[in-house]
Structure formats: structure tokens, C-alpha cells
Protein backbone atom coordinates (compact mmCIF):
# COMPACT_ATOMS: atom_id res chain seq x y z
CA MET A 1 -0.01 -0.06 0.03
CA GLN A 2 2.85 2.37 0.86
CA SER A 3 4.12 1.99 -2.83
CA ARG A 4 0.81 3.11 -4.21
CA TRP A 5 0.95 6.13 -2.21
CA GLU A 6 4.43 6.80 -3.16
CA GLU A 7 3.23 6.58 -6.85
CA ALA A 8 0.37 8.87 -6.04
CA VAL A 9 2.94 11.36 -5.10
CA ALA A 10 4.78 10.99 -8.26
CA VAL A 11 1.63 11.13 -10.49
CA ASN A 12 -0.01 14.15 -8.88
CA GLN A 13 3.48 15.84 -8.97
CA SER A 14 3.64 15.33 -12.54
CA ILE A 15 0.15 16.47 -12.95
CA ILE A 16 1.12 19.64 -11.04
CA ASP A 17 4.18 20.12 -13.24
CA LEU A 18 1.94 20.32 -16.35
CA PHE A 19 -0.94 22.22 -14.82
CA PRO A 20 0.17 24.32 -11.86
CA THR A 21 -3.17 25.45 -10.98
CA ASP A 22 -4.75 22.09 -10.64
CA VAL A 23 -6.43 22.36 -7.26
CA ASP A 24 -7.53 18.69 -7.30
CA ALA A 25 -3.96 17.50 -7.97
CA TYR A 26 -2.71 19.32 -4.82
CA ASN A 27 -5.55 17.81 -2.79
CA ARG A 28 -4.57 14.29 -4.01
CA LEU A 29 -0.97 14.93 -3.37
CA GLY A 30 -1.79 16.20 0.11
CA ARG A 31 -3.62 12.92 0.73
CA ALA A 32 -0.70 10.91 -0.50
CA TYR A 33 1.60 12.84 1.82
CA THR A 34 -0.70 12.38 4.75
CA GLU A 35 -0.92 8.50 4.19
CA LEU A 36 2.72 8.31 4.02
CA GLY A 37 2.90 10.17 7.42
CA ASP A 38 4.70 13.07 5.79
CA PHE A 39 2.28 15.63 7.47
CA VAL A 40 4.82 18.70 6.64
CA ARG A 41 4.56 18.28 2.90
CA ALA A 42 0.71 17.33 3.12
CA LYS A 43 0.21 20.57 4.79
CA GLU A 44 2.17 22.60 2.23
CA ALA A 45 -0.01 20.85 -0.74
CA TYR A 46 -3.09 21.77 1.05
CA SER A 47 -1.96 25.30 1.69
CA ARG A 48 -1.19 25.62 -2.10
CA ALA A 49 -4.66 24.37 -3.05
CA LEU A 50 -6.08 27.07 -0.70
CA GLU A 51 -4.09 29.78 -2.43
CA LEU A 52 -5.61 28.63 -5.81
CA ASP A 53 -9.13 28.02 -4.34
CA PRO A 54 -9.79 29.69 -0.85
CA LYS A 55 -13.26 28.10 -0.60
CA ASN A 56 -12.01 24.49 -1.49
CA SER A 57 -13.83 22.53 1.45
CA ILE A 58 -11.24 19.44 1.06
CA ALA A 59 -8.31 21.92 1.45
CA GLN A 60 -9.80 23.83 4.27
CA LYS A 61 -10.69 20.61 6.35
CA ASN A 62 -7.52 18.92 5.93
CA TYR A 63 -5.15 21.97 6.31
CA GLN A 64 -7.14 22.85 9.41
CA ARG A 65 -6.68 19.26 10.70
CA LEU A 66 -2.89 19.11 9.88
CA CYS A 67 -2.46 22.50 11.68
CA LEU A 68 -3.02 20.55 14.88
CA LEU A 69 -0.15 18.36 14.60
CA PRO A 70 3.52 19.50 15.17
CA ASP A 71 5.78 19.94 12.17
CA LEU A 72 7.72 16.73 12.61
CA PRO A 73 9.76 14.85 9.77
CA VAL A 74 8.09 12.15 8.59
CA ARG A 75 9.25 8.87 10.04
CA VAL A 76 9.40 6.31 7.33
CA GLU A 77 9.38 3.14 9.53
CA GLU A 78 6.04 3.98 10.74
CA LYS A 79 3.35 2.48 8.25
CA ARG A 80 -0.18 2.83 9.28
CA ARG A 81 -2.09 -0.56 8.19
CA GLU A 82 -4.93 -0.11 5.81
CA VAL A 83 -8.19 -2.12 5.32
CA ALA A 84 -7.57 -5.12 2.98
CA PRO A 85 -10.20 -5.88 0.35
CA GLY A 86 -12.49 -8.58 1.92
CA LEU A 87 -11.48 -7.95 5.34
CA PHE A 88 -14.90 -7.05 6.57
CA ILE A 89 -17.07 -9.76 4.69
CA GLY A 90 -18.82 -11.32 7.52
CA GLU A 91 -22.09 -12.89 9.01
CA MET A 92 -24.95 -10.97 10.47
CA GLY A 93 -24.15 -10.50 14.07
CA LYS A 94 -20.52 -10.59 13.66
CA VAL A 95 -19.62 -7.22 12.17
CA GLY A 96 -20.90 -3.53 13.46
CA VAL A 97 -20.06 -0.01 13.34
CA VAL A 98 -19.69 1.53 16.86
CA ASN A 99 -19.04 5.07 18.01
CA LEU A 100 -16.24 5.92 20.26
CA GLN A 101 -16.47 7.99 23.37
CA ASP A 102 -13.79 9.80 25.48
CA LEU A 103 -12.04 10.58 22.55
CA ALA A 104 -8.26 11.40 22.24
CA PRO A 105 -6.94 14.95 21.97
CA LYS A 106 -7.55 16.25 18.34
CA GLU A 107 -3.75 16.28 17.59
CA VAL A 108 -3.98 12.35 17.97
CA LEU A 109 -7.24 11.99 15.97
CA ALA A 110 -5.75 14.20 13.32
CA LYS A 111 -3.29 11.55 12.30
CA MET A 112 -6.15 9.12 11.57
CA THR A 113 -7.86 8.67 8.40
CA ALA A 114 -10.85 6.26 7.13
CA GLY A 115 -9.49 2.76 6.40
CA ASN A 116 -6.90 2.88 8.95
CA GLN A 117 -6.88 -0.30 10.95
CA VAL A 118 -6.62 0.14 14.73
CA ARG A 119 -6.14 -2.26 17.94
CA LEU A 120 -8.59 -3.26 20.59
CA SER A 121 -7.63 -3.91 24.08
CA VAL A 122 -9.54 -4.66 27.16
CA ARG A 123 -8.98 -2.56 30.25
CA GLY A 124 -11.43 -3.62 33.04
CA GLN A 125 -14.91 -3.63 31.67
CA GLN A 126 -14.08 -1.26 28.95
CA LEU A 127 -12.86 -1.82 25.25
CA VAL A 128 -10.13 0.69 24.24
CA VAL A 129 -9.05 1.46 20.66
CA GLU A 130 -5.49 2.46 19.89
CA ASN A 131 -3.71 3.35 16.77
CA ASP A 132 -0.73 1.30 15.64
CA GLU A 133 1.64 3.50 17.62
CA GLY A 134 -0.10 2.29 20.86
CA GLU A 135 -1.86 5.84 21.16
CA TYR A 136 -5.26 6.03 22.76
CA LEU A 137 -8.04 6.89 20.41
CA GLY A 138 -11.22 6.27 22.24
CA LEU A 139 -13.44 3.66 24.19
CA VAL A 140 -16.05 1.66 22.28
CA GLU A 141 -19.58 3.20 23.39
CA PRO A 142 -21.59 0.85 25.84
CA PRO A 143 -23.24 -1.57 25.54
CA HIS A 144 -21.12 -2.74 22.74
CA GLY A 145 -17.74 -2.06 24.49
CA PHE A 146 -19.04 -3.90 27.55
CA ARG A 147 -20.13 -6.94 25.74
CA LEU A 148 -17.03 -7.25 23.41
CA ALA A 149 -14.78 -6.78 26.18
CA LYS A 150 -16.37 -9.95 28.02
CA LEU A 151 -16.34 -11.87 24.72
CA ILE A 152 -12.54 -10.99 24.19
CA GLU A 153 -11.71 -12.05 27.85
CA GLY A 154 -13.68 -15.26 27.01
CA GLY A 155 -11.29 -15.91 24.04
CA ASN A 156 -12.87 -14.23 20.90
CA ARG A 157 -10.63 -12.14 18.53
CA TYR A 158 -11.57 -9.23 16.56
CA THR A 159 -10.18 -6.81 13.82
CA ALA A 160 -11.18 -3.26 13.56
CA ALA A 161 -10.81 -0.16 11.32
CA ILE A 162 -11.59 3.56 11.37
CA VAL A 163 -14.81 4.25 9.25
CA SER A 164 -14.95 8.01 10.05
CA VAL A 165 -13.06 10.65 12.24
CA SER A 166 -13.24 14.09 13.02
CA ASP A 167 -12.25 16.31 16.15
CA ASN A 168 -15.27 15.29 18.14
CA ASN A 169 -16.62 12.12 16.60
CA ALA A 170 -15.12 8.69 15.52
CA LYS A 171 -16.66 5.61 14.44
CA VAL A 172 -14.89 2.06 14.10
CA ILE A 173 -16.21 -1.15 12.36
CA ILE A 174 -15.32 -4.23 14.18
CA ARG A 175 -15.39 -7.80 13.06
CA GLU A 176 -15.38 -11.09 14.78
CA VAL A 177 -12.58 -13.10 13.29
CA TYR A 178 -12.53 -15.96 15.73
CA GLN A 179 -15.12 -17.30 18.01
CA ASP A 180 -13.77 -19.14 21.15
CA PRO A 181 -15.77 -22.51 21.83
CA SER A 182 -16.70 -21.19 25.06
CA GLN A 183 -18.59 -18.17 23.36
CA ILE A 184 -20.75 -20.35 20.77
CA GLY A 185 -24.17 -18.90 20.84
CA ARG A 186 -23.02 -15.44 21.78
CA LEU A 187 -23.39 -13.01 19.07
CA SER A 188 -20.87 -10.37 19.05
CA PHE A 189 -23.53 -7.65 17.73
CA PRO A 190 -26.86 -8.84 18.65
CA VAL A 191 -29.32 -8.00 15.52
CA LYS A 192 -32.98 -7.44 15.05
CA ALA A 193 -34.71 -9.24 12.33
CA VAL A 194 -34.63 -7.30 9.09
CA GLU A 195 -36.69 -8.57 6.07
CA GLY A 196 -34.60 -9.27 2.91
CA PHE A 197 -31.29 -8.39 4.54
CA GLN A 198 -28.30 -10.13 3.19
CA PRO A 199 -25.71 -10.64 5.91
CA HIS A 200 -22.56 -9.88 3.88
CA VAL A 201 -20.57 -6.99 2.63
CA LYS A 202 -19.16 -7.46 -1.04
CA ASP A 203 -15.42 -7.38 -1.08
CA THR A 204 -15.48 -4.94 -3.97
CA LEU A 205 -17.04 -2.44 -1.40
CA LEU A 206 -13.62 -2.27 0.12
CA ARG A 207 -11.59 -1.81 -2.98
CA GLN A 208 -8.48 0.38 -2.95
CA GLU A 209 -9.25 3.82 -4.57
CA ALA A 210 -7.57 4.54 -7.70
CA VAL A 211 -5.06 7.28 -7.49
CA GLU A 212 -6.06 8.78 -10.67
CA GLU A 213 -9.78 9.01 -9.61
CA GLU A 214 -10.95 12.68 -9.47
CA ALA A 215 -10.74 13.41 -5.78
CA LEU A 216 -13.15 15.96 -4.22
CA GLU A 217 -14.63 15.22 -0.75
CA GLU A 218 -13.63 13.08 2.08
CA ALA A 219 -16.37 11.25 3.87
CA GLU A 220 -14.66 10.82 7.32
CA TYR A 221 -15.26 14.44 8.04
CA THR A 222 -18.71 14.61 7.14
CA GLU A 223 -21.06 15.27 9.91
CA LEU A 224 -23.92 12.90 10.48
CA GLU A 225 -26.53 15.55 9.71
CA GLU A 226 -24.86 16.33 6.37
CA GLY A 227 -25.58 12.41 5.56
CA GLU A 228 -22.50 10.67 6.86
CA LEU A 229 -22.31 7.09 5.55
CA VAL A 230 -21.91 3.69 7.27
CA PRO A 231 -20.80 0.39 5.59
CA GLU A 232 -23.58 -1.35 3.60
CA GLY A 233 -25.81 -3.64 5.71
CA PHE A 234 -24.90 -2.16 9.15
CA SER A 235 -26.18 0.64 11.47
CA ILE A 236 -24.37 2.17 14.48
CA PHE A 237 -27.42 1.10 16.41
CA GLU A 238 -26.78 -2.43 18.25
CA GLY A 239 -25.17 -3.73 15.06
CA VAL A 240 -28.52 -3.65 13.18
CA ALA A 241 -28.34 -4.28 9.57
CA SER A 242 -29.54 -1.75 7.04
CA ASP A 243 -29.51 -1.78 3.36
CA GLU A 244 -28.61 1.96 2.84
CA GLU A 245 -24.87 2.72 2.22
CA SER A 246 -21.65 0.85 1.57
CA LEU A 247 -18.19 1.03 3.11
CA GLU A 248 -17.17 1.77 -0.38
CA THR A 249 -18.82 4.99 0.18
CA VAL A 250 -16.79 5.81 3.07
CA ILE A 251 -13.43 4.79 1.60
CA ASP A 252 -13.93 5.95 -1.89
CA GLU A 253 -16.08 9.25 -1.24
CA GLU A 254 -12.81 10.48 0.82
CA PHE A 255 -12.21 11.77 -2.71
CA VAL A 256 -15.83 12.79 -3.65
CA GLU A 257 -17.16 16.26 -3.22
CA GLU A 258 -20.64 16.84 -2.56
């Protein structure tokens, strides 16, 4: 995945060399640098986009977010894990999207984007979410956090990734990858019967976005009242299924402006 972001840097820099006023290319360049952990160059790219288009919402949101971070040089050895295609294909009751509470400082959340995998750890009766560097991001909201913490203590294993994140809101998708024999019959995400629900998410919904795609808006910074989207087949309420939107939207619409 790192090689693709490095390629994105090269491609968009070439576009800028040919078309110095291409705002979208600067936004894509900023995103690529962000994924590589080079926040200084990312901020420079978004700053240039704002010079060309002061009202550009992508550049505004990302520049403001990056301004929360210290101007530290990129640490090449740190590579954030990204969601792999098919990672969240699962049966009903084994996958759900949850809110985080007691969020980390803005400076920590600013480093996260939709698609970053995160770690889960149990502390007492609470389920803690951390990034790959071991930094605290937040607590899984009750009752999900309490239930999942007990299941993990009982031997279950889970994988998780960021669905959306902003200064004051974060959502994580969690999937059960192993059920301990002692937990047979206990659903990770109790569901209500939904007529016609298909208990799976197509792996194509998690495909990697093409670096040449026109980049316009980032869904992870869209407020709920503006239509924030969650993965197809899941709701943020008790893991209940819904047939409205897909994780493809969350990942791909990082680049689609409304």
C-alpha cells in the first residue's frame, strides 16, 4: 500500500508540473503525503490548494486538521495498516459499526483517516481503541464495549478499522474473526430481524481507491446531519443491519465532493 501512495505522489506531482493551477491534484498530493506520514509536505500541498481556491472544502478541512499536528519530519518506519479488500466480509451479528467515546485529543485523531486499522484492548470492563503506535483513540461505546470486552476475555478475537473520524466524533467497524468454543451461541453484535437483509458485505465495496480518480470530498469529515455514511448492511445502533450505504462510500468518497 505504501508503494501506491508513493506512486500517487509522483503521479500528482507530474500533473502539477504540467498544470500548476490544478487544485484537485494538490488535494490528492496532500492526501498521499498524509498517508505516508509526511504531514509537513501534506500541509504544504493543501496550503497551495487554498491559495488557488480559498473556498475549497477539502483543502480547508485537511489543512485545519494538519495544523493541529507538530511539524515533525516523516518517520519512514511507521506505516499505518490499511483495510484489505474482503477484510470485513462477515455474517450478520459478527460485524458492526460503533461510536467511540472519551476521545483522544484532536492532535492524535488528526493523524487518523478512514481505512486505518486499529487495535482493540480490554481494560477492566471497557474496550479501548488504539492506533498502531499504541496511542489511545477512544473507548467503544456501551453496551457494545462491555459486551465485546467480555467476549474478548472469553477468547474471541476481533479486527477493526476507522470508518470516519473528526475532531469530536469517531466511528470504528469491528469484525469477529474467531469465536472461542466457550462463546458459541453469543453474538458479538445482537441483531434485530430485518426482512430481506443480506448478511454480507461484498469485497468490492472495500476496493482500494484509484490514485487517478478525481478527488473531491472526504467522507470521514462529514457530519452525521450532512449524511454521514456507514458500511452497507450495518447501522450504528446495536449492530442492526440496514441496506442503505456501503463502506465503499466511506473509503471511496474520501475523494468525492458533494
